[in-house]
């Protein structure tokens, strides 16, 4: 499993922003949605979030994710307070050209 530092060599995860938002709305049940290419890193990201925030249950959406408009149909009985989606803004760093590539 990759460390968060290794993942952030290629992706801007905005972990501090995620932590602020969870704390701001006092979310207790957070659903994390990743595009398929980032799903292998999801457990490392959850581990980091659990280190920074206590008393929050994190769930990983394992269904498809094709863009920001692809919001999962979350069953109400899960009582999710917040959905965090990754991969819909600048997130890939091109180390050779020092360019950021935005998902379209």
N, C-alpha and C. Protein backbone atom coordinates (compact mmCIF):
# COMPACT_ATOMS: atom_id res chain seq x y z
N UNK A 1 0.85 -1.17 0.00
CA UNK A 1 0.00 0.00 0.00
C UNK A 1 0.90 1.24 0.00
N UNK A 2 0.59 2.20 -0.89
CA UNK A 2 1.38 3.42 -0.98
C UNK A 2 1.10 4.34 0.20
N UNK A 3 2.11 5.10 0.57
CA UNK A 3 1.94 6.10 1.61
C UNK A 3 1.28 7.34 0.99
N UNK A 4 0.75 8.18 1.84
CA UNK A 4 0.12 9.41 1.35
C UNK A 4 1.13 10.28 0.61
N UNK A 5 2.36 10.34 1.09
CA UNK A 5 3.40 11.13 0.41
C UNK A 5 3.65 10.62 -1.00
N UNK A 6 3.67 9.31 -1.17
CA UNK A 6 3.88 8.73 -2.50
C UNK A 6 2.70 9.04 -3.43
N UNK A 7 1.51 8.99 -2.91
CA UNK A 7 0.31 9.29 -3.70
C UNK A 7 0.32 10.75 -4.13
N UNK A 8 0.70 11.63 -3.20
CA UNK A 8 0.68 13.06 -3.48
C UNK A 8 1.79 13.50 -4.44
N UNK A 9 2.69 12.60 -4.83
CA UNK A 9 3.65 12.91 -5.88
C UNK A 9 2.93 13.09 -7.22
N UNK A 10 1.78 12.44 -7.37
CA UNK A 10 1.02 12.48 -8.62
C UNK A 10 -0.35 13.14 -8.50
N UNK A 11 -0.88 13.24 -7.29
CA UNK A 11 -2.23 13.76 -7.11
C UNK A 11 -2.26 14.84 -6.03
N UNK A 12 -3.02 15.87 -6.28
CA UNK A 12 -3.26 16.90 -5.27
C UNK A 12 -4.54 16.50 -4.54
N UNK A 13 -4.40 15.84 -3.41
CA UNK A 13 -5.55 15.28 -2.69
C UNK A 13 -6.32 16.31 -1.87
N UNK A 14 -5.71 17.43 -1.59
CA UNK A 14 -6.34 18.48 -0.78
C UNK A 14 -6.87 17.93 0.55
N UNK A 15 -6.06 17.12 1.20
CA UNK A 15 -6.47 16.48 2.45
C UNK A 15 -6.83 17.52 3.51
N UNK A 16 -6.06 18.60 3.61
CA UNK A 16 -6.37 19.63 4.61
C UNK A 16 -7.76 20.23 4.35
N UNK A 17 -8.08 20.45 3.09
CA UNK A 17 -9.40 20.99 2.74
C UNK A 17 -10.51 20.01 3.11
N UNK A 18 -10.29 18.73 2.86
CA UNK A 18 -11.27 17.69 3.22
C UNK A 18 -11.49 17.68 4.73
N UNK A 19 -10.40 17.71 5.49
CA UNK A 19 -10.49 17.70 6.95
C UNK A 19 -11.27 18.92 7.44
N UNK A 20 -10.95 20.10 6.89
CA UNK A 20 -11.68 21.33 7.29
C UNK A 20 -13.17 21.21 7.03
N UNK A 21 -13.54 20.69 5.86
CA UNK A 21 -14.95 20.58 5.50
C UNK A 21 -15.68 19.60 6.42
N UNK A 22 -15.06 18.48 6.72
CA UNK A 22 -15.68 17.50 7.62
C UNK A 22 -15.90 18.12 8.99
N UNK A 23 -14.89 18.83 9.49
CA UNK A 23 -15.02 19.47 10.81
C UNK A 23 -16.04 20.60 10.77
N UNK A 24 -16.05 21.36 9.68
CA UNK A 24 -16.96 22.50 9.57
C UNK A 24 -18.42 22.09 9.69
N UNK A 25 -18.79 21.00 9.02
CA UNK A 25 -20.19 20.59 9.07
C UNK A 25 -20.45 19.51 10.14
N UNK A 26 -19.38 19.16 10.86
CA UNK A 26 -19.46 18.15 11.93
C UNK A 26 -20.02 16.83 11.43
N UNK A 27 -19.52 16.43 10.27
CA UNK A 27 -19.97 15.18 9.65
C UNK A 27 -19.51 13.99 10.48
N UNK A 28 -20.36 13.01 10.60
CA UNK A 28 -20.04 11.78 11.32
C UNK A 28 -19.95 10.57 10.39
N UNK A 29 -20.59 10.67 9.22
CA UNK A 29 -20.58 9.58 8.24
C UNK A 29 -20.26 10.19 6.88
N UNK A 30 -19.08 9.85 6.36
CA UNK A 30 -18.57 10.48 5.14
C UNK A 30 -18.36 9.40 4.07
N UNK A 31 -18.94 9.63 2.91
CA UNK A 31 -18.77 8.75 1.77
C UNK A 31 -17.71 9.34 0.85
N UNK A 32 -16.70 8.55 0.51
CA UNK A 32 -15.61 8.99 -0.36
C UNK A 32 -15.78 8.33 -1.72
N UNK A 33 -15.76 9.14 -2.77
CA UNK A 33 -15.93 8.64 -4.13
C UNK A 33 -14.68 8.96 -4.93
N UNK A 34 -14.10 7.94 -5.55
CA UNK A 34 -12.87 8.07 -6.32
C UNK A 34 -13.10 7.59 -7.74
N UNK A 35 -12.42 8.21 -8.72
CA UNK A 35 -12.42 7.62 -10.06
C UNK A 35 -11.64 6.30 -9.99
N UNK A 36 -11.87 5.44 -10.95
CA UNK A 36 -11.27 4.10 -10.91
C UNK A 36 -9.75 4.13 -10.74
N UNK A 37 -9.07 5.08 -11.37
CA UNK A 37 -7.61 5.14 -11.27
C UNK A 37 -7.09 5.46 -9.88
N UNK A 38 -7.93 6.05 -9.05
CA UNK A 38 -7.51 6.40 -7.69
C UNK A 38 -8.00 5.40 -6.64
N UNK A 39 -8.89 4.50 -7.02
CA UNK A 39 -9.43 3.55 -6.04
C UNK A 39 -8.35 2.72 -5.33
N UNK A 40 -7.27 2.33 -6.01
CA UNK A 40 -6.23 1.57 -5.30
C UNK A 40 -5.61 2.34 -4.12
N UNK A 41 -5.74 3.66 -4.11
CA UNK A 41 -5.16 4.48 -3.05
C UNK A 41 -6.16 4.83 -1.95
N UNK A 42 -7.38 4.42 -2.10
CA UNK A 42 -8.45 4.85 -1.20
C UNK A 42 -8.19 4.45 0.26
N UNK A 43 -7.66 3.28 0.51
CA UNK A 43 -7.42 2.86 1.90
C UNK A 43 -6.33 3.71 2.55
N UNK A 44 -5.31 4.09 1.80
CA UNK A 44 -4.27 4.98 2.34
C UNK A 44 -4.85 6.34 2.69
N UNK A 45 -5.75 6.83 1.86
CA UNK A 45 -6.38 8.13 2.10
C UNK A 45 -7.28 8.05 3.33
N UNK A 46 -8.04 6.97 3.46
CA UNK A 46 -8.89 6.79 4.65
C UNK A 46 -8.01 6.70 5.90
N UNK A 47 -6.91 5.97 5.84
CA UNK A 47 -6.00 5.88 6.99
C UNK A 47 -5.55 7.27 7.44
N UNK A 48 -5.18 8.12 6.48
CA UNK A 48 -4.73 9.47 6.82
C UNK A 48 -5.86 10.29 7.44
N UNK A 49 -7.06 10.20 6.85
CA UNK A 49 -8.19 10.95 7.41
C UNK A 49 -8.52 10.48 8.82
N UNK A 50 -8.45 9.19 9.06
CA UNK A 50 -8.73 8.66 10.40
C UNK A 50 -7.69 9.13 11.42
N UNK A 51 -6.46 9.36 10.99
CA UNK A 51 -5.42 9.89 11.88
C UNK A 51 -5.74 11.33 12.28
N UNK A 52 -6.33 12.09 11.35
CA UNK A 52 -6.56 13.52 11.58
C UNK A 52 -7.91 13.83 12.21
N UNK A 53 -8.86 12.92 12.07
CA UNK A 53 -10.22 13.18 12.57
C UNK A 53 -10.71 11.95 13.31
N UNK A 54 -11.20 12.14 14.51
CA UNK A 54 -11.75 11.01 15.27
C UNK A 54 -13.28 11.04 15.22
N UNK A 55 -13.87 9.93 15.53
CA UNK A 55 -15.32 9.78 15.61
C UNK A 55 -16.04 10.04 14.29
N UNK A 56 -15.41 9.67 13.18
CA UNK A 56 -16.03 9.77 11.86
C UNK A 56 -15.96 8.40 11.22
N UNK A 57 -17.05 7.96 10.64
CA UNK A 57 -17.07 6.71 9.88
C UNK A 57 -16.91 7.06 8.41
N UNK A 58 -15.90 6.46 7.77
CA UNK A 58 -15.64 6.68 6.36
C UNK A 58 -16.09 5.47 5.56
N UNK A 59 -16.75 5.73 4.45
CA UNK A 59 -17.19 4.69 3.54
C UNK A 59 -16.62 5.00 2.16
N UNK A 60 -16.25 3.96 1.43
CA UNK A 60 -15.70 4.13 0.09
C UNK A 60 -16.73 3.64 -0.91
N UNK A 61 -17.10 4.51 -1.86
CA UNK A 61 -18.03 4.14 -2.92
C UNK A 61 -17.26 3.27 -3.92
N UNK A 62 -17.71 2.04 -4.12
CA UNK A 62 -17.00 1.13 -5.02
C UNK A 62 -17.60 1.10 -6.42
N UNK A 63 -18.71 1.81 -6.61
CA UNK A 63 -19.32 1.87 -7.93
C UNK A 63 -18.52 2.77 -8.85
N UNK A 64 -19.04 2.94 -10.05
CA UNK A 64 -18.35 3.76 -11.05
C UNK A 64 -18.36 5.24 -10.66
N UNK A 65 -17.46 5.98 -11.29
CA UNK A 65 -17.39 7.42 -11.08
C UNK A 65 -16.82 8.03 -12.35
N UNK A 66 -17.69 8.67 -13.14
CA UNK A 66 -17.28 9.19 -14.45
C UNK A 66 -17.19 10.71 -14.49
N UNK A 67 -17.33 11.37 -13.38
CA UNK A 67 -17.24 12.82 -13.35
C UNK A 67 -18.07 13.39 -12.22
N UNK A 68 -17.99 14.71 -12.07
CA UNK A 68 -18.68 15.37 -10.97
C UNK A 68 -20.19 15.17 -11.00
N UNK A 69 -20.73 14.94 -12.19
CA UNK A 69 -22.18 14.75 -12.29
C UNK A 69 -22.58 13.32 -11.93
N UNK A 70 -21.61 12.44 -11.70
CA UNK A 70 -21.88 11.03 -11.39
C UNK A 70 -21.99 10.86 -9.88
N UNK A 71 -23.02 11.42 -9.29
CA UNK A 71 -23.25 11.34 -7.85
C UNK A 71 -23.97 10.02 -7.56
N UNK A 72 -23.44 9.24 -6.61
CA UNK A 72 -24.07 7.95 -6.34
C UNK A 72 -25.46 8.10 -5.73
N UNK A 73 -26.29 7.12 -6.00
CA UNK A 73 -27.61 7.05 -5.40
C UNK A 73 -27.45 6.41 -4.02
N UNK A 74 -27.31 7.24 -3.02
CA UNK A 74 -26.99 6.78 -1.67
C UNK A 74 -28.28 6.41 -0.94
N UNK A 75 -28.39 5.17 -0.48
CA UNK A 75 -29.58 4.78 0.29
C UNK A 75 -29.71 5.64 1.55
N UNK A 76 -30.91 6.12 1.83
CA UNK A 76 -31.12 7.01 2.98
C UNK A 76 -30.79 6.34 4.30
N UNK A 77 -30.93 5.01 4.36
CA UNK A 77 -30.66 4.35 5.63
C UNK A 77 -29.18 4.38 6.02
N UNK A 78 -28.28 4.75 5.09
CA UNK A 78 -26.86 4.91 5.43
C UNK A 78 -26.60 6.19 6.20
N UNK A 79 -27.49 7.17 6.08
CA UNK A 79 -27.39 8.44 6.81
C UNK A 79 -26.02 9.12 6.61
N UNK A 80 -25.63 9.26 5.34
CA UNK A 80 -24.37 9.91 5.00
C UNK A 80 -24.52 11.42 5.17
N UNK A 81 -23.58 12.02 5.87
CA UNK A 81 -23.60 13.47 6.11
C UNK A 81 -22.89 14.25 5.01
N UNK A 82 -21.91 13.63 4.37
CA UNK A 82 -21.07 14.35 3.42
C UNK A 82 -20.53 13.38 2.37
N UNK A 83 -20.55 13.81 1.12
CA UNK A 83 -19.94 13.07 0.02
C UNK A 83 -18.74 13.86 -0.47
N UNK A 84 -17.58 13.21 -0.50
CA UNK A 84 -16.36 13.83 -1.03
C UNK A 84 -16.01 13.09 -2.31
N UNK A 85 -15.87 13.84 -3.41
CA UNK A 85 -15.47 13.26 -4.69
C UNK A 85 -14.06 13.73 -5.02
N UNK A 86 -13.23 12.81 -5.49
CA UNK A 86 -11.90 13.16 -5.96
C UNK A 86 -11.82 12.97 -7.46
N UNK A 87 -10.93 13.72 -8.09
CA UNK A 87 -10.62 13.50 -9.48
C UNK A 87 -11.40 14.36 -10.45
N UNK A 88 -12.02 15.43 -9.99
CA UNK A 88 -12.84 16.24 -10.87
C UNK A 88 -12.30 17.66 -11.04
N UNK A 89 -11.12 17.91 -10.51
CA UNK A 89 -10.45 19.19 -10.67
C UNK A 89 -8.98 18.88 -10.95
N UNK A 90 -8.12 19.87 -10.89
CA UNK A 90 -6.69 19.61 -11.10
C UNK A 90 -6.21 18.60 -10.07
N UNK A 91 -5.64 17.51 -10.55
CA UNK A 91 -5.17 16.52 -9.59
C UNK A 91 -3.94 15.76 -10.04
N UNK A 92 -3.58 15.82 -11.31
CA UNK A 92 -2.42 15.10 -11.79
C UNK A 92 -1.29 16.09 -12.02
N UNK A 93 -0.13 15.79 -11.52
CA UNK A 93 1.03 16.64 -11.73
C UNK A 93 1.93 15.98 -12.77
N UNK A 94 2.24 16.70 -13.82
CA UNK A 94 3.15 16.21 -14.84
C UNK A 94 4.54 16.66 -14.42
N UNK A 95 5.31 15.75 -13.87
CA UNK A 95 6.61 16.12 -13.31
C UNK A 95 7.59 16.59 -14.37
N UNK A 96 7.50 16.07 -15.60
CA UNK A 96 8.45 16.46 -16.64
C UNK A 96 8.23 17.91 -17.08
N UNK A 97 7.01 18.28 -17.31
CA UNK A 97 6.72 19.61 -17.83
C UNK A 97 6.27 20.58 -16.75
N UNK A 98 6.13 20.09 -15.51
CA UNK A 98 5.63 20.91 -14.41
C UNK A 98 4.27 21.53 -14.74
N UNK A 99 3.44 20.79 -15.44
CA UNK A 99 2.10 21.23 -15.78
C UNK A 99 1.09 20.47 -14.95
N UNK A 100 -0.01 21.12 -14.65
CA UNK A 100 -1.11 20.43 -14.02
C UNK A 100 -2.13 20.11 -15.09
N UNK A 101 -2.67 18.93 -15.02
CA UNK A 101 -3.65 18.48 -16.01
C UNK A 101 -4.99 18.40 -15.31
N UNK A 102 -6.00 19.03 -15.87
CA UNK A 102 -7.33 19.01 -15.28
C UNK A 102 -8.16 17.92 -15.91
N UNK A 103 -8.95 17.26 -15.10
CA UNK A 103 -9.90 16.29 -15.62
C UNK A 103 -11.02 17.06 -16.32
N UNK A 104 -11.50 16.54 -17.42
CA UNK A 104 -12.58 17.20 -18.17
C UNK A 104 -13.86 16.42 -18.04
